[in-house]
N, C-alpha and C. Protein backbone atom coordinates (compact mmCIF):
# COMPACT_ATOMS: atom_id res chain seq x y z
N MET A 1 -3.22 -61.47 13.63
CA MET A 1 -3.99 -62.09 12.55
C MET A 1 -3.06 -62.83 11.60
N GLY A 2 -2.05 -62.14 11.03
CA GLY A 2 -1.18 -62.77 10.06
C GLY A 2 -0.21 -63.74 10.72
N THR A 3 0.02 -64.88 10.11
CA THR A 3 0.99 -65.84 10.59
C THR A 3 1.91 -66.22 9.45
N VAL A 4 2.96 -66.97 9.78
CA VAL A 4 3.92 -67.37 8.77
C VAL A 4 3.29 -68.27 7.72
N ASN A 5 2.16 -68.89 8.05
CA ASN A 5 1.54 -69.87 7.16
C ASN A 5 0.40 -69.32 6.32
N ASN A 6 -0.02 -68.08 6.54
CA ASN A 6 -1.10 -67.57 5.70
C ASN A 6 -0.67 -66.32 4.96
N ARG A 7 -1.51 -65.87 4.09
CA ARG A 7 -1.12 -64.89 3.09
C ARG A 7 -2.19 -63.82 2.96
N CYS A 8 -1.74 -62.62 2.73
CA CYS A 8 -2.65 -61.51 2.46
C CYS A 8 -2.69 -61.29 0.95
N VAL A 9 -3.86 -61.38 0.37
CA VAL A 9 -4.05 -61.12 -1.05
C VAL A 9 -4.71 -59.76 -1.22
N ILE A 10 -4.05 -58.89 -1.96
CA ILE A 10 -4.58 -57.56 -2.26
C ILE A 10 -5.05 -57.56 -3.71
N ILE A 11 -6.29 -57.17 -3.93
CA ILE A 11 -6.83 -57.10 -5.28
C ILE A 11 -7.03 -55.64 -5.65
N SER A 12 -6.23 -55.17 -6.60
CA SER A 12 -6.32 -53.79 -7.05
C SER A 12 -7.29 -53.68 -8.22
N ALA A 13 -7.46 -52.46 -8.72
CA ALA A 13 -8.58 -52.20 -9.64
C ALA A 13 -8.16 -51.94 -11.08
N SER A 14 -7.09 -52.59 -11.54
CA SER A 14 -6.70 -52.38 -12.93
C SER A 14 -7.85 -52.75 -13.88
N PRO A 15 -8.18 -51.87 -14.83
CA PRO A 15 -9.29 -52.18 -15.75
C PRO A 15 -8.96 -53.30 -16.72
N THR A 16 -7.67 -53.64 -16.87
CA THR A 16 -7.29 -54.69 -17.81
C THR A 16 -7.07 -56.04 -17.13
N ALA A 17 -7.27 -56.10 -15.82
CA ALA A 17 -7.01 -57.35 -15.09
C ALA A 17 -7.98 -58.45 -15.52
N ASP A 18 -7.46 -59.65 -15.65
CA ASP A 18 -8.27 -60.79 -16.05
C ASP A 18 -8.94 -61.39 -14.80
N LYS A 19 -10.25 -61.35 -14.79
CA LYS A 19 -11.00 -61.81 -13.61
C LYS A 19 -10.79 -63.28 -13.34
N ASN A 20 -10.79 -64.10 -14.38
CA ASN A 20 -10.62 -65.54 -14.19
C ASN A 20 -9.24 -65.86 -13.64
N PHE A 21 -8.23 -65.13 -14.10
CA PHE A 21 -6.89 -65.34 -13.55
C PHE A 21 -6.86 -65.00 -12.06
N ILE A 22 -7.45 -63.89 -11.70
CA ILE A 22 -7.48 -63.50 -10.29
C ILE A 22 -8.13 -64.59 -9.45
N LEU A 23 -9.25 -65.12 -9.89
CA LEU A 23 -9.93 -66.16 -9.14
C LEU A 23 -9.06 -67.41 -9.01
N SER A 24 -8.28 -67.72 -10.03
CA SER A 24 -7.44 -68.91 -10.00
C SER A 24 -6.30 -68.81 -9.00
N GLN A 25 -5.98 -67.59 -8.56
CA GLN A 25 -4.83 -67.40 -7.66
C GLN A 25 -5.22 -67.40 -6.18
N ILE A 26 -6.49 -67.33 -5.88
CA ILE A 26 -6.94 -67.23 -4.49
C ILE A 26 -7.03 -68.60 -3.86
N ARG A 27 -6.43 -68.74 -2.66
CA ARG A 27 -6.48 -69.99 -1.91
C ARG A 27 -7.46 -69.87 -0.75
N LYS A 28 -7.85 -71.01 -0.21
CA LYS A 28 -8.91 -71.08 0.79
C LYS A 28 -8.63 -70.20 2.01
N ASN A 29 -7.39 -70.21 2.52
CA ASN A 29 -7.10 -69.50 3.77
C ASN A 29 -6.53 -68.10 3.57
N ASP A 30 -6.58 -67.59 2.36
CA ASP A 30 -6.09 -66.24 2.12
C ASP A 30 -6.95 -65.20 2.83
N TYR A 31 -6.30 -64.15 3.31
CA TYR A 31 -7.01 -62.99 3.82
C TYR A 31 -7.05 -61.98 2.67
N ILE A 32 -8.26 -61.64 2.21
CA ILE A 32 -8.42 -60.85 0.98
C ILE A 32 -8.80 -59.42 1.32
N ILE A 33 -7.96 -58.49 0.83
CA ILE A 33 -8.25 -57.07 0.95
C ILE A 33 -8.39 -56.50 -0.46
N CYS A 34 -9.53 -55.92 -0.75
CA CYS A 34 -9.74 -55.30 -2.06
C CYS A 34 -9.46 -53.80 -1.97
N ALA A 35 -8.71 -53.31 -2.94
CA ALA A 35 -8.45 -51.88 -3.03
C ALA A 35 -9.57 -51.25 -3.86
N ASP A 36 -10.55 -50.71 -3.18
CA ASP A 36 -11.65 -50.02 -3.82
C ASP A 36 -12.28 -50.84 -4.94
N GLY A 37 -12.16 -50.43 -6.20
CA GLY A 37 -12.82 -51.11 -7.30
C GLY A 37 -12.31 -52.50 -7.57
N GLY A 38 -11.24 -52.93 -6.89
CA GLY A 38 -10.80 -54.31 -7.00
C GLY A 38 -11.86 -55.28 -6.54
N ALA A 39 -12.79 -54.79 -5.72
CA ALA A 39 -13.90 -55.65 -5.26
C ALA A 39 -14.77 -56.12 -6.41
N ASP A 40 -14.80 -55.36 -7.51
CA ASP A 40 -15.62 -55.76 -8.65
C ASP A 40 -15.18 -57.10 -9.22
N LYS A 41 -13.90 -57.43 -9.06
CA LYS A 41 -13.39 -58.69 -9.59
C LYS A 41 -14.00 -59.90 -8.88
N LEU A 42 -14.57 -59.69 -7.70
CA LEU A 42 -15.14 -60.79 -6.93
C LEU A 42 -16.67 -60.81 -7.00
N CYS A 43 -17.26 -59.82 -7.61
CA CYS A 43 -18.72 -59.78 -7.68
C CYS A 43 -19.26 -60.98 -8.45
N GLY A 44 -20.23 -61.65 -7.86
CA GLY A 44 -20.87 -62.78 -8.51
C GLY A 44 -20.07 -64.07 -8.48
N THR A 45 -18.95 -64.10 -7.77
CA THR A 45 -18.10 -65.30 -7.74
C THR A 45 -18.35 -66.17 -6.52
N GLY A 46 -19.00 -65.64 -5.51
CA GLY A 46 -19.16 -66.37 -4.26
C GLY A 46 -18.01 -66.18 -3.30
N ILE A 47 -16.95 -65.51 -3.73
CA ILE A 47 -15.81 -65.20 -2.87
C ILE A 47 -16.06 -63.84 -2.24
N VAL A 48 -16.01 -63.79 -0.92
CA VAL A 48 -16.28 -62.56 -0.19
C VAL A 48 -14.98 -62.00 0.37
N PRO A 49 -14.60 -60.78 0.03
CA PRO A 49 -13.37 -60.22 0.61
C PRO A 49 -13.53 -59.98 2.10
N ASP A 50 -12.42 -60.11 2.81
CA ASP A 50 -12.45 -59.83 4.25
C ASP A 50 -12.53 -58.34 4.52
N MET A 51 -11.97 -57.55 3.60
CA MET A 51 -11.94 -56.10 3.82
C MET A 51 -11.90 -55.39 2.47
N ILE A 52 -12.56 -54.25 2.41
CA ILE A 52 -12.46 -53.35 1.25
C ILE A 52 -11.93 -52.02 1.76
N VAL A 53 -10.86 -51.55 1.13
CA VAL A 53 -10.21 -50.32 1.56
C VAL A 53 -10.20 -49.33 0.40
N GLY A 54 -10.59 -48.09 0.65
CA GLY A 54 -10.51 -47.09 -0.40
C GLY A 54 -11.45 -45.94 -0.16
N ASP A 55 -11.42 -44.98 -1.09
CA ASP A 55 -12.32 -43.84 -0.97
C ASP A 55 -13.66 -44.12 -1.64
N LEU A 56 -13.84 -45.36 -2.11
CA LEU A 56 -15.12 -45.85 -2.65
C LEU A 56 -15.60 -45.01 -3.83
N ASP A 57 -14.65 -44.69 -4.73
CA ASP A 57 -15.01 -43.87 -5.89
C ASP A 57 -15.00 -44.65 -7.19
N SER A 58 -14.68 -45.94 -7.14
CA SER A 58 -14.51 -46.66 -8.41
C SER A 58 -15.35 -47.93 -8.53
N SER A 59 -16.31 -48.12 -7.67
CA SER A 59 -17.19 -49.27 -7.79
C SER A 59 -18.59 -48.92 -7.30
N LYS A 60 -19.57 -49.56 -7.92
CA LYS A 60 -20.96 -49.36 -7.51
C LYS A 60 -21.54 -50.66 -6.94
N ASN A 61 -20.68 -51.65 -6.68
CA ASN A 61 -21.17 -52.97 -6.32
C ASN A 61 -20.84 -53.39 -4.88
N TYR A 62 -20.49 -52.43 -4.05
CA TYR A 62 -20.09 -52.78 -2.69
C TYR A 62 -21.21 -53.42 -1.88
N SER A 63 -22.44 -53.10 -2.21
CA SER A 63 -23.57 -53.60 -1.42
C SER A 63 -23.68 -55.12 -1.47
N GLU A 64 -23.01 -55.77 -2.42
CA GLU A 64 -23.05 -57.23 -2.50
C GLU A 64 -22.35 -57.89 -1.31
N PHE A 65 -21.37 -57.18 -0.73
CA PHE A 65 -20.54 -57.77 0.32
C PHE A 65 -20.99 -57.27 1.69
N LYS A 66 -22.05 -57.89 2.19
CA LYS A 66 -22.67 -57.40 3.42
C LYS A 66 -21.87 -57.77 4.67
N ASN A 67 -21.03 -58.82 4.61
CA ASN A 67 -20.27 -59.24 5.78
C ASN A 67 -18.81 -58.83 5.71
N THR A 68 -18.51 -57.88 4.84
CA THR A 68 -17.14 -57.41 4.64
C THR A 68 -16.89 -56.15 5.46
N LYS A 69 -15.69 -56.06 6.02
CA LYS A 69 -15.31 -54.85 6.73
C LYS A 69 -14.91 -53.77 5.73
N PHE A 70 -15.42 -52.56 5.91
CA PHE A 70 -15.08 -51.44 5.03
C PHE A 70 -14.20 -50.45 5.78
N VAL A 71 -13.11 -50.03 5.13
CA VAL A 71 -12.27 -48.95 5.64
C VAL A 71 -12.34 -47.83 4.60
N VAL A 72 -13.07 -46.78 4.93
CA VAL A 72 -13.31 -45.69 3.98
C VAL A 72 -12.25 -44.62 4.17
N LEU A 73 -11.52 -44.32 3.09
CA LEU A 73 -10.44 -43.34 3.14
C LEU A 73 -10.93 -42.00 2.61
N ASN A 74 -10.28 -40.96 3.08
CA ASN A 74 -10.54 -39.61 2.56
C ASN A 74 -10.03 -39.52 1.12
N VAL A 75 -10.81 -38.93 0.25
CA VAL A 75 -10.37 -38.76 -1.14
C VAL A 75 -9.08 -37.95 -1.19
N MET A 76 -8.92 -36.99 -0.30
CA MET A 76 -7.71 -36.16 -0.23
C MET A 76 -6.69 -36.88 0.66
N LYS A 77 -5.94 -37.82 0.07
CA LYS A 77 -4.99 -38.62 0.83
C LYS A 77 -3.66 -38.68 0.10
N ASP A 78 -2.62 -39.06 0.81
CA ASP A 78 -1.28 -39.10 0.23
C ASP A 78 -0.95 -40.44 -0.41
N ASP A 79 -1.50 -41.53 0.12
CA ASP A 79 -1.14 -42.84 -0.41
C ASP A 79 -2.24 -43.37 -1.32
N THR A 80 -1.89 -44.34 -2.17
CA THR A 80 -2.89 -44.97 -3.03
C THR A 80 -3.70 -45.98 -2.21
N ASP A 81 -4.81 -46.41 -2.77
CA ASP A 81 -5.62 -47.43 -2.10
C ASP A 81 -4.82 -48.72 -1.92
N THR A 82 -4.04 -49.09 -2.94
CA THR A 82 -3.24 -50.32 -2.84
C THR A 82 -2.18 -50.21 -1.76
N MET A 83 -1.52 -49.06 -1.68
CA MET A 83 -0.52 -48.87 -0.63
C MET A 83 -1.16 -48.95 0.75
N HIS A 84 -2.35 -48.37 0.89
CA HIS A 84 -3.03 -48.43 2.18
C HIS A 84 -3.39 -49.88 2.53
N CYS A 85 -3.75 -50.66 1.53
CA CYS A 85 -4.02 -52.08 1.78
C CYS A 85 -2.77 -52.78 2.30
N ALA A 86 -1.62 -52.48 1.69
CA ALA A 86 -0.37 -53.08 2.13
C ALA A 86 -0.04 -52.67 3.57
N GLU A 87 -0.22 -51.41 3.87
CA GLU A 87 0.03 -50.93 5.23
C GLU A 87 -0.90 -51.65 6.23
N THR A 88 -2.14 -51.82 5.84
CA THR A 88 -3.11 -52.51 6.70
C THR A 88 -2.69 -53.95 6.95
N GLY A 89 -2.29 -54.65 5.87
CA GLY A 89 -1.85 -56.03 6.01
C GLY A 89 -0.63 -56.16 6.91
N LEU A 90 0.31 -55.24 6.78
CA LEU A 90 1.50 -55.26 7.64
C LEU A 90 1.13 -55.07 9.10
N LYS A 91 0.23 -54.15 9.37
CA LYS A 91 -0.20 -53.90 10.75
C LYS A 91 -0.90 -55.12 11.34
N MET A 92 -1.50 -55.93 10.50
CA MET A 92 -2.18 -57.15 10.96
C MET A 92 -1.21 -58.31 11.15
N GLY A 93 0.04 -58.10 10.75
CA GLY A 93 1.06 -59.11 11.00
C GLY A 93 1.40 -60.01 9.83
N PHE A 94 0.85 -59.73 8.65
CA PHE A 94 1.15 -60.58 7.49
C PHE A 94 2.57 -60.33 6.99
N LYS A 95 3.22 -61.41 6.55
CA LYS A 95 4.57 -61.34 6.01
C LYS A 95 4.63 -61.73 4.54
N HIS A 96 3.55 -62.30 4.04
CA HIS A 96 3.51 -62.75 2.65
C HIS A 96 2.30 -62.11 1.96
N PHE A 97 2.58 -61.44 0.83
CA PHE A 97 1.54 -60.71 0.11
C PHE A 97 1.52 -61.11 -1.35
N LEU A 98 0.33 -61.31 -1.89
CA LEU A 98 0.12 -61.48 -3.32
C LEU A 98 -0.76 -60.34 -3.78
N ILE A 99 -0.31 -59.61 -4.79
CA ILE A 99 -1.04 -58.45 -5.28
C ILE A 99 -1.53 -58.75 -6.69
N LEU A 100 -2.82 -58.68 -6.89
CA LEU A 100 -3.46 -59.00 -8.16
C LEU A 100 -4.17 -57.77 -8.71
N GLY A 101 -4.39 -57.74 -10.01
CA GLY A 101 -5.07 -56.60 -10.61
C GLY A 101 -4.29 -55.31 -10.48
N ALA A 102 -2.95 -55.42 -10.48
CA ALA A 102 -2.10 -54.26 -10.17
C ALA A 102 -1.28 -53.78 -11.36
N THR A 103 -1.44 -54.41 -12.53
CA THR A 103 -0.67 -54.01 -13.71
C THR A 103 -1.62 -53.73 -14.87
N GLY A 104 -1.12 -53.05 -15.89
CA GLY A 104 -1.97 -52.66 -17.00
C GLY A 104 -2.75 -51.41 -16.65
N GLY A 105 -3.53 -50.92 -17.57
CA GLY A 105 -4.28 -49.69 -17.29
C GLY A 105 -3.31 -48.52 -17.20
N ARG A 106 -3.51 -47.64 -16.25
CA ARG A 106 -2.67 -46.45 -16.11
C ARG A 106 -1.26 -46.81 -15.68
N LEU A 107 -0.27 -46.26 -16.40
CA LEU A 107 1.12 -46.56 -16.12
C LEU A 107 1.54 -46.05 -14.75
N ASP A 108 1.01 -44.89 -14.32
CA ASP A 108 1.39 -44.37 -13.01
C ASP A 108 0.94 -45.30 -11.90
N HIS A 109 -0.22 -45.93 -12.06
CA HIS A 109 -0.68 -46.89 -11.05
C HIS A 109 0.20 -48.14 -11.05
N THR A 110 0.58 -48.61 -12.23
CA THR A 110 1.46 -49.79 -12.29
C THR A 110 2.79 -49.50 -11.61
N LEU A 111 3.39 -48.35 -11.90
CA LEU A 111 4.67 -48.00 -11.27
C LEU A 111 4.50 -47.83 -9.77
N GLY A 112 3.39 -47.23 -9.36
CA GLY A 112 3.14 -47.08 -7.94
C GLY A 112 3.00 -48.42 -7.24
N ASN A 113 2.38 -49.38 -7.92
CA ASN A 113 2.22 -50.71 -7.33
C ASN A 113 3.54 -51.45 -7.24
N LEU A 114 4.45 -51.23 -8.18
CA LEU A 114 5.79 -51.79 -8.06
C LEU A 114 6.50 -51.24 -6.83
N SER A 115 6.26 -49.97 -6.52
CA SER A 115 6.85 -49.38 -5.33
C SER A 115 6.32 -50.01 -4.05
N VAL A 116 5.10 -50.55 -4.11
CA VAL A 116 4.55 -51.25 -2.95
C VAL A 116 5.43 -52.46 -2.60
N LEU A 117 5.99 -53.13 -3.61
CA LEU A 117 6.90 -54.25 -3.34
C LEU A 117 8.10 -53.78 -2.53
N LEU A 118 8.62 -52.63 -2.87
CA LEU A 118 9.77 -52.09 -2.13
C LEU A 118 9.36 -51.73 -0.71
N TYR A 119 8.18 -51.16 -0.54
CA TYR A 119 7.69 -50.82 0.79
C TYR A 119 7.55 -52.07 1.66
N LEU A 120 6.98 -53.12 1.10
CA LEU A 120 6.84 -54.37 1.85
C LEU A 120 8.20 -54.93 2.24
N HIS A 121 9.14 -54.90 1.28
CA HIS A 121 10.49 -55.42 1.53
C HIS A 121 11.16 -54.67 2.68
N LYS A 122 11.03 -53.36 2.68
CA LYS A 122 11.67 -52.54 3.73
C LYS A 122 11.02 -52.76 5.09
N HIS A 123 9.83 -53.34 5.10
CA HIS A 123 9.14 -53.61 6.36
C HIS A 123 9.13 -55.11 6.69
N GLY A 124 10.07 -55.84 6.11
CA GLY A 124 10.29 -57.23 6.49
C GLY A 124 9.32 -58.23 5.91
N ALA A 125 8.63 -57.86 4.82
CA ALA A 125 7.64 -58.76 4.22
C ALA A 125 8.02 -59.05 2.77
N GLU A 126 7.41 -60.09 2.21
CA GLU A 126 7.63 -60.46 0.82
C GLU A 126 6.37 -60.21 0.02
N GLY A 127 6.53 -59.60 -1.13
CA GLY A 127 5.39 -59.33 -1.99
C GLY A 127 5.61 -59.83 -3.40
N ILE A 128 4.54 -60.27 -4.03
CA ILE A 128 4.55 -60.68 -5.44
C ILE A 128 3.40 -60.00 -6.14
N ILE A 129 3.69 -59.38 -7.29
CA ILE A 129 2.64 -58.89 -8.18
C ILE A 129 2.48 -59.90 -9.29
N SER A 130 1.28 -60.41 -9.47
CA SER A 130 1.06 -61.47 -10.45
C SER A 130 -0.07 -61.11 -11.40
N ASP A 131 0.14 -61.41 -12.68
CA ASP A 131 -0.93 -61.31 -13.66
C ASP A 131 -0.82 -62.50 -14.60
N GLU A 132 -1.63 -62.54 -15.64
CA GLU A 132 -1.64 -63.71 -16.52
C GLU A 132 -0.38 -63.83 -17.36
N PHE A 133 0.47 -62.80 -17.34
CA PHE A 133 1.70 -62.82 -18.14
C PHE A 133 2.95 -63.12 -17.31
N SER A 134 3.01 -62.64 -16.08
CA SER A 134 4.25 -62.75 -15.32
C SER A 134 4.03 -62.58 -13.82
N ARG A 135 5.09 -62.95 -13.09
CA ARG A 135 5.14 -62.74 -11.64
C ARG A 135 6.34 -61.86 -11.33
N THR A 136 6.09 -60.80 -10.60
CA THR A 136 7.14 -59.82 -10.31
C THR A 136 7.35 -59.72 -8.80
N SER A 137 8.61 -59.81 -8.40
CA SER A 137 8.95 -59.70 -6.98
C SER A 137 10.26 -58.92 -6.87
N LEU A 138 10.66 -58.67 -5.65
CA LEU A 138 11.91 -57.96 -5.39
C LEU A 138 12.94 -58.97 -4.92
N LEU A 139 14.11 -58.97 -5.56
CA LEU A 139 15.17 -59.88 -5.13
C LEU A 139 15.64 -59.53 -3.72
N LYS A 140 15.92 -60.55 -2.92
CA LYS A 140 16.52 -60.34 -1.62
C LYS A 140 18.03 -60.13 -1.78
N ASN A 141 18.63 -59.43 -0.85
CA ASN A 141 20.08 -59.33 -0.84
C ASN A 141 20.67 -60.71 -0.60
N GLY A 142 21.72 -61.07 -1.33
CA GLY A 142 22.30 -62.40 -1.22
C GLY A 142 21.74 -63.32 -2.28
N THR A 143 21.80 -64.61 -2.03
CA THR A 143 21.42 -65.61 -3.02
C THR A 143 19.93 -65.91 -2.97
N ASN A 144 19.30 -65.84 -4.13
CA ASN A 144 17.88 -66.16 -4.29
C ASN A 144 17.76 -67.43 -5.11
N GLU A 145 17.20 -68.48 -4.52
CA GLU A 145 16.97 -69.73 -5.25
C GLU A 145 15.55 -69.75 -5.75
N ILE A 146 15.39 -69.89 -7.06
CA ILE A 146 14.07 -69.84 -7.68
C ILE A 146 13.82 -71.17 -8.38
N THR A 147 12.70 -71.80 -8.06
CA THR A 147 12.36 -73.09 -8.66
C THR A 147 11.08 -72.97 -9.49
N GLY A 148 10.82 -74.03 -10.28
CA GLY A 148 9.63 -74.04 -11.10
C GLY A 148 9.70 -73.11 -12.29
N VAL A 149 10.93 -72.91 -12.82
CA VAL A 149 11.09 -71.92 -13.89
C VAL A 149 11.50 -72.54 -15.23
N GLU A 150 11.50 -73.85 -15.32
CA GLU A 150 11.88 -74.46 -16.59
C GLU A 150 10.96 -74.00 -17.72
N GLY A 151 11.56 -73.56 -18.81
CA GLY A 151 10.77 -73.04 -19.92
C GLY A 151 10.29 -71.62 -19.74
N LYS A 152 10.75 -70.95 -18.70
CA LYS A 152 10.31 -69.59 -18.43
C LYS A 152 11.35 -68.57 -18.88
N THR A 153 10.90 -67.36 -19.10
CA THR A 153 11.77 -66.22 -19.35
C THR A 153 12.02 -65.51 -18.02
N VAL A 154 13.27 -65.21 -17.75
CA VAL A 154 13.66 -64.58 -16.48
C VAL A 154 14.31 -63.23 -16.78
N SER A 155 13.73 -62.18 -16.24
CA SER A 155 14.28 -60.83 -16.41
C SER A 155 14.58 -60.22 -15.06
N VAL A 156 15.67 -59.45 -14.99
CA VAL A 156 16.04 -58.74 -13.77
C VAL A 156 16.27 -57.28 -14.13
N MET A 157 15.67 -56.38 -13.37
CA MET A 157 15.81 -54.95 -13.66
C MET A 157 16.16 -54.18 -12.39
N PRO A 158 17.23 -53.37 -12.43
CA PRO A 158 17.50 -52.49 -11.29
C PRO A 158 16.28 -51.63 -10.99
N PHE A 159 16.04 -51.38 -9.72
CA PHE A 159 14.83 -50.66 -9.34
C PHE A 159 15.13 -49.79 -8.13
N ALA A 160 14.79 -48.51 -8.23
CA ALA A 160 14.97 -47.55 -7.13
C ALA A 160 16.43 -47.44 -6.72
N CYS A 161 17.33 -47.59 -7.69
CA CYS A 161 18.77 -47.44 -7.44
C CYS A 161 19.44 -47.17 -8.78
N GLU A 162 20.71 -46.75 -8.74
CA GLU A 162 21.41 -46.47 -9.99
C GLU A 162 21.88 -47.74 -10.68
N SER A 163 22.24 -48.77 -9.89
CA SER A 163 22.75 -50.00 -10.49
C SER A 163 22.60 -51.16 -9.52
N ALA A 164 22.68 -52.37 -10.08
CA ALA A 164 22.65 -53.59 -9.27
C ALA A 164 23.75 -54.51 -9.77
N THR A 165 24.42 -55.20 -8.84
CA THR A 165 25.47 -56.16 -9.18
C THR A 165 24.95 -57.56 -8.95
N LEU A 166 25.07 -58.44 -9.97
CA LEU A 166 24.38 -59.72 -9.98
C LEU A 166 25.27 -60.86 -10.42
N THR A 167 24.96 -62.05 -9.91
CA THR A 167 25.55 -63.30 -10.40
C THR A 167 24.42 -64.27 -10.70
N TYR A 168 24.51 -64.94 -11.87
CA TYR A 168 23.50 -65.90 -12.28
C TYR A 168 24.08 -67.31 -12.32
N LEU A 169 23.27 -68.28 -11.91
CA LEU A 169 23.54 -69.69 -12.13
C LEU A 169 22.26 -70.33 -12.65
N GLY A 170 22.36 -71.09 -13.75
CA GLY A 170 21.20 -71.77 -14.28
C GLY A 170 20.46 -71.01 -15.35
N LEU A 171 20.99 -69.89 -15.79
CA LEU A 171 20.38 -69.12 -16.87
C LEU A 171 21.25 -69.22 -18.12
N LYS A 172 20.62 -69.14 -19.27
CA LYS A 172 21.33 -69.29 -20.55
C LYS A 172 22.45 -68.27 -20.69
N TYR A 173 22.18 -67.04 -20.32
CA TYR A 173 23.19 -65.99 -20.42
C TYR A 173 23.75 -65.75 -19.02
N ALA A 174 24.96 -66.26 -18.80
CA ALA A 174 25.55 -66.25 -17.45
C ALA A 174 26.05 -64.85 -17.08
N MET A 175 26.23 -64.67 -15.78
CA MET A 175 26.78 -63.41 -15.28
C MET A 175 27.50 -63.68 -13.97
N ASP A 176 28.67 -63.08 -13.81
CA ASP A 176 29.45 -63.24 -12.59
C ASP A 176 29.83 -61.85 -12.08
N ARG A 177 29.08 -61.41 -11.09
CA ARG A 177 29.26 -60.07 -10.52
C ARG A 177 29.22 -58.98 -11.59
N GLY A 178 28.25 -59.10 -12.46
CA GLY A 178 28.04 -58.06 -13.47
C GLY A 178 27.22 -56.92 -12.91
N THR A 179 27.51 -55.73 -13.36
CA THR A 179 26.78 -54.55 -12.89
C THR A 179 25.84 -54.06 -13.97
N VAL A 180 24.58 -53.89 -13.62
CA VAL A 180 23.54 -53.46 -14.54
C VAL A 180 23.04 -52.10 -14.08
N THR A 181 23.05 -51.13 -14.97
CA THR A 181 22.59 -49.79 -14.60
C THR A 181 21.13 -49.60 -14.97
N VAL A 182 20.49 -48.69 -14.26
CA VAL A 182 19.05 -48.50 -14.45
C VAL A 182 18.74 -47.91 -15.82
N ASP A 183 19.70 -47.22 -16.44
CA ASP A 183 19.44 -46.61 -17.74
C ASP A 183 19.81 -47.54 -18.90
N TYR A 184 20.31 -48.74 -18.60
CA TYR A 184 20.62 -49.70 -19.66
C TYR A 184 20.42 -51.12 -19.14
N PRO A 185 19.17 -51.52 -18.92
CA PRO A 185 18.88 -52.83 -18.31
C PRO A 185 18.94 -53.95 -19.35
N TYR A 186 20.16 -54.44 -19.62
CA TYR A 186 20.33 -55.47 -20.64
C TYR A 186 19.98 -56.87 -20.14
N THR A 187 19.55 -56.98 -18.90
CA THR A 187 19.25 -58.29 -18.30
C THR A 187 17.78 -58.66 -18.43
N ILE A 188 17.22 -58.42 -19.59
CA ILE A 188 15.82 -58.74 -19.88
C ILE A 188 15.76 -59.95 -20.81
N SER A 189 14.78 -60.82 -20.59
CA SER A 189 14.52 -61.98 -21.46
C SER A 189 15.67 -62.99 -21.47
N ASN A 190 16.20 -63.28 -20.29
CA ASN A 190 17.10 -64.42 -20.15
C ASN A 190 16.25 -65.69 -20.13
N GLU A 191 16.91 -66.85 -20.18
CA GLU A 191 16.16 -68.10 -20.26
C GLU A 191 16.65 -69.09 -19.21
N ALA A 192 15.72 -69.68 -18.48
CA ALA A 192 16.07 -70.72 -17.50
C ALA A 192 16.45 -71.99 -18.25
N GLU A 193 17.60 -72.59 -17.87
CA GLU A 193 18.06 -73.81 -18.51
C GLU A 193 17.49 -75.06 -17.87
N GLY A 194 16.92 -74.92 -16.69
CA GLY A 194 16.31 -76.04 -16.00
C GLY A 194 15.24 -75.54 -15.06
N ASP A 195 14.85 -76.36 -14.11
CA ASP A 195 13.77 -76.01 -13.20
C ASP A 195 14.22 -75.07 -12.08
N ARG A 196 15.54 -74.96 -11.87
CA ARG A 196 16.07 -74.20 -10.74
C ARG A 196 17.16 -73.24 -11.20
N VAL A 197 17.06 -72.00 -10.75
CA VAL A 197 18.12 -71.03 -11.00
C VAL A 197 18.47 -70.33 -9.70
N CYS A 198 19.68 -69.81 -9.64
CA CYS A 198 20.12 -69.02 -8.49
C CYS A 198 20.57 -67.65 -8.98
N ILE A 199 20.05 -66.63 -8.37
CA ILE A 199 20.45 -65.26 -8.69
C ILE A 199 20.93 -64.61 -7.40
N THR A 200 22.18 -64.17 -7.40
CA THR A 200 22.73 -63.50 -6.23
C THR A 200 22.75 -62.00 -6.47
N LEU A 201 22.13 -61.28 -5.56
CA LEU A 201 22.14 -59.82 -5.60
C LEU A 201 23.23 -59.34 -4.64
N HIS A 202 24.33 -58.85 -5.20
CA HIS A 202 25.47 -58.40 -4.39
C HIS A 202 25.28 -56.98 -3.89
N SER A 203 24.66 -56.15 -4.70
CA SER A 203 24.43 -54.77 -4.30
C SER A 203 23.28 -54.19 -5.11
N GLY A 204 22.68 -53.14 -4.58
CA GLY A 204 21.56 -52.50 -5.26
C GLY A 204 20.23 -53.14 -4.94
N THR A 205 19.23 -52.76 -5.70
CA THR A 205 17.86 -53.28 -5.58
C THR A 205 17.39 -53.68 -6.97
N ALA A 206 16.70 -54.81 -7.08
CA ALA A 206 16.32 -55.28 -8.41
C ALA A 206 15.01 -56.04 -8.38
N LEU A 207 14.23 -55.87 -9.44
CA LEU A 207 13.01 -56.63 -9.65
C LEU A 207 13.31 -57.92 -10.40
N LEU A 208 12.66 -59.00 -9.99
CA LEU A 208 12.72 -60.28 -10.69
C LEU A 208 11.37 -60.50 -11.37
N ILE A 209 11.39 -60.70 -12.69
CA ILE A 209 10.17 -60.89 -13.45
C ILE A 209 10.26 -62.21 -14.19
N ILE A 210 9.36 -63.12 -13.87
CA ILE A 210 9.33 -64.46 -14.47
C ILE A 210 8.10 -64.55 -15.35
N SER A 211 8.32 -64.87 -16.63
CA SER A 211 7.22 -64.90 -17.60
C SER A 211 7.26 -66.19 -18.40
N ASP A 212 6.10 -66.58 -18.93
CA ASP A 212 6.08 -67.66 -19.91
C ASP A 212 6.79 -67.19 -21.17
N LYS A 213 7.52 -68.08 -21.83
CA LYS A 213 8.31 -67.69 -23.00
C LYS A 213 7.46 -67.19 -24.15
N LYS A 214 6.18 -67.57 -24.17
CA LYS A 214 5.34 -67.16 -25.31
C LYS A 214 5.02 -65.68 -25.29
N TYR A 215 5.25 -65.00 -24.14
CA TYR A 215 4.93 -63.57 -24.08
C TYR A 215 6.16 -62.74 -24.39
């Protein structure tokens, strides 16, 4: 099912997610998987999810999607609905994932959704968590070229490791093989000096968070 040219969009059920933002991110050929109550974000929009995955405990509007495939999970399960969506997308062959409605609300759910990025990375896929404030992804080992960032705030945070070693090009506050520890992440709110920056991850694991400067 998944090819190099199409994308799996996972819509999670954050109660603070902006519905209009979510709709603005969906493209025509996306394969849409809703994590349980994430389906509510599409109710009344004319957009029909391809699949709804979950224990069906957080929405009362599933009956609207009559042509959608349902995967009903046991309430007594080890993984979250969003993680199960990611696993499903990987099994279908997708390599590119956009996760929406995954931040805000309960902090444990937000942290768990960040871990989904690491899971996708370890299984050879790329994931982005996006909301109306920022886009969050996991840096690849080696050099990462990022475009379209002029006027943006760029933050890098070690994640699931004790430290990360980084080199920056194109950011206001430069770094050459600097080491950032997880207990003192001073690499927050850097500024892109132009439309293109390069961040090299020499060691460790790190999140890249790109935000509009107004936030």
